[in-house]
Structures are given as C-alpha cells and as structure tokens.
Amino acid sequence: PGGVFTPVSLDDGAFITEIPGFLIHTDEIKADSGIPYSSILLTDDTLIIDTSGTPFQQLSTHFRRSFHFNCIAKLIRIKGDLRVALFATRLQGPLSEEKTKRGDA
C-alpha cells in the first residue's frame, strides 16, 4: 500500500513540514461521506486544513489516520503568521505495542 515514509525514525514532536492549503472550520467542509482525504483535521478537532489544489494534496491521501496515526497537524506561528505544520507523534498506551509491530513513525 502507498504511504509517506522517512528514511529514519522520527522523534515524538519532530517537525516534518508546513502544510499548504485553506484553513477552515469543520462545519464548512462537505463531509457527507466523511472527511475528504485531501483534508487533514487539526489537533483541536474544530479546524481542518484543506489541501485541495495544492502540491500537498496527493501526499495528504497517504497519511495514516484513525487509531494508527503517526503524525499530527497543529497551528503554529512563523514570524507572526499563522501556519499549519505536520509533526511526528508516537502512540502511547495500550495500542502502542501493537503499533510498534507495524513499524516506526
């Protein structure tokens, strides 16, 4: 299956990349059939970055989602400007042992 991989294991909280797109509220997205794969939910669960029409759109469809996610999108400030960035994360708790069987973050 397709995916986005790194040549080395990433530390928890490691910066991966800035995500281009349109920042919108979850109420504004057309999600009758679920959140589109071109959209990434931010950690606060009320904002989404819609990558449609950006070079990032194709990559966004290959991120792990649901219970076995290995990265999170967060709002950050760069030189005073609000941006969305992707960070590595490691699952903690009962599912973490199962996840390590699937490979590194």
Protein backbone atom coordinates (compact mmCIF):
# COMPACT_ATOMS: atom_id res chain seq x y z
CA PRO A 1 0.00 0.00 0.00
CA GLY A 2 1.04 3.59 -0.59
CA GLY A 3 2.31 5.81 2.15
CA VAL A 4 4.62 8.61 3.19
CA PHE A 5 7.82 7.35 4.79
CA THR A 6 11.03 8.78 6.22
CA PRO A 7 14.44 7.11 5.88
CA VAL A 8 14.93 7.36 9.68
CA SER A 9 12.66 7.06 12.69
CA LEU A 10 11.41 10.46 13.88
CA ASP A 11 11.33 11.61 17.50
CA ASP A 12 7.98 12.39 19.08
CA GLY A 13 7.12 16.01 18.30
CA ALA A 14 9.64 16.35 15.45
CA PHE A 15 8.70 18.97 12.83
CA ILE A 16 8.03 17.38 9.43
CA THR A 17 6.74 20.12 7.12
CA GLU A 18 4.45 23.08 6.71
CA ILE A 19 1.10 22.17 5.11
CA PRO A 20 -0.24 24.46 2.38
CA GLY A 21 -3.98 24.85 1.92
CA PHE A 22 -7.08 26.57 3.19
CA LEU A 23 -7.78 26.62 6.91
CA ILE A 24 -11.50 26.10 7.50
CA HIS A 25 -13.87 25.23 10.33
CA THR A 26 -15.18 21.65 10.40
CA ASP A 27 -18.71 22.98 9.83
CA GLU A 28 -17.63 24.38 6.45
CA ILE A 29 -16.35 21.16 4.89
CA LYS A 30 -18.51 18.96 2.69
CA ALA A 31 -18.25 15.75 4.73
CA ASP A 32 -21.44 13.87 3.89
CA SER A 33 -19.28 10.85 3.06
CA GLY A 34 -16.67 11.58 5.73
CA ILE A 35 -13.75 13.99 5.81
CA PRO A 36 -12.12 14.04 2.36
CA TYR A 37 -8.61 12.57 2.22
CA SER A 38 -7.34 15.89 0.88
CA SER A 39 -8.24 17.43 4.25
CA ILE A 40 -6.36 16.99 7.50
CA LEU A 41 -8.03 17.53 10.86
CA LEU A 42 -6.04 19.71 13.25
CA THR A 43 -5.45 18.59 16.82
CA ASP A 44 -8.19 20.83 18.25
CA ASP A 45 -10.89 18.94 16.26
CA THR A 46 -12.60 22.13 15.07
CA LEU A 47 -10.29 23.19 12.23
CA ILE A 48 -9.27 21.45 9.03
CA ILE A 49 -6.57 22.25 6.50
CA ASP A 50 -7.95 21.59 3.04
CA THR A 51 -5.05 20.76 0.70
CA SER A 52 -7.20 20.56 -2.45
CA GLY A 53 -5.49 22.26 -5.37
CA THR A 54 -2.07 22.35 -3.69
CA PRO A 55 1.01 20.21 -4.42
CA PHE A 56 0.43 18.65 -0.98
CA GLN A 57 -2.98 17.20 -1.97
CA GLN A 58 -1.57 13.95 -3.33
CA LEU A 59 0.62 13.40 -0.25
CA SER A 60 -2.22 14.07 2.20
CA THR A 61 -4.08 10.99 0.99
CA HIS A 62 -1.24 8.75 2.22
CA PHE A 63 -1.04 9.73 5.89
CA ARG A 64 -2.07 7.20 8.49
CA ARG A 65 -5.36 8.19 10.08
CA SER A 66 -7.66 6.84 12.78
CA PHE A 67 -6.15 4.71 15.57
CA HIS A 68 -2.77 4.13 13.95
CA PHE A 69 -1.84 7.73 13.14
CA ASN A 70 1.83 8.68 13.28
CA CYS A 71 1.66 12.42 12.71
CA ILE A 72 -0.49 15.35 13.77
CA ALA A 73 -1.25 18.75 12.27
CA LYS A 74 -1.03 21.79 14.55
CA LEU A 75 -1.37 25.54 14.25
CA ILE A 76 1.95 27.35 14.71
CA ARG A 77 3.25 30.90 14.21
CA ILE A 78 6.15 31.61 11.89
CA LYS A 79 7.37 35.22 12.06
CA GLY A 80 3.93 36.20 13.38
CA ASP A 81 1.99 34.44 10.59
CA LEU A 82 -0.43 31.63 11.43
CA ARG A 83 0.52 28.39 9.66
CA VAL A 84 -0.34 24.69 9.81
CA ALA A 85 2.52 22.24 10.28
CA LEU A 86 2.86 18.48 10.48
CA PHE A 87 4.64 16.89 13.44
CA ALA A 88 5.64 13.29 14.16
CA THR A 89 3.91 11.59 17.05
CA ARG A 90 4.22 8.27 18.76
CA LEU A 91 1.20 6.44 20.04
CA GLN A 92 1.16 5.90 23.79
CA GLY A 93 -0.93 3.50 25.82
CA PRO A 94 -2.34 0.02 25.11
CA LEU A 95 -2.30 0.41 21.33
CA SER A 96 1.37 1.44 21.25
CA GLU A 97 2.63 -2.15 21.49
CA GLU A 98 0.51 -3.17 18.51
CA LYS A 99 1.64 -0.13 16.55
CA THR A 100 5.34 -0.89 17.05
CA LYS A 101 4.72 -4.19 15.27
CA ARG A 102 3.66 -2.14 12.21
CA GLY A 103 6.92 -0.17 12.10
CA ASP A 104 8.46 3.13 13.19
CA ALA A 105 6.78 6.51 12.94
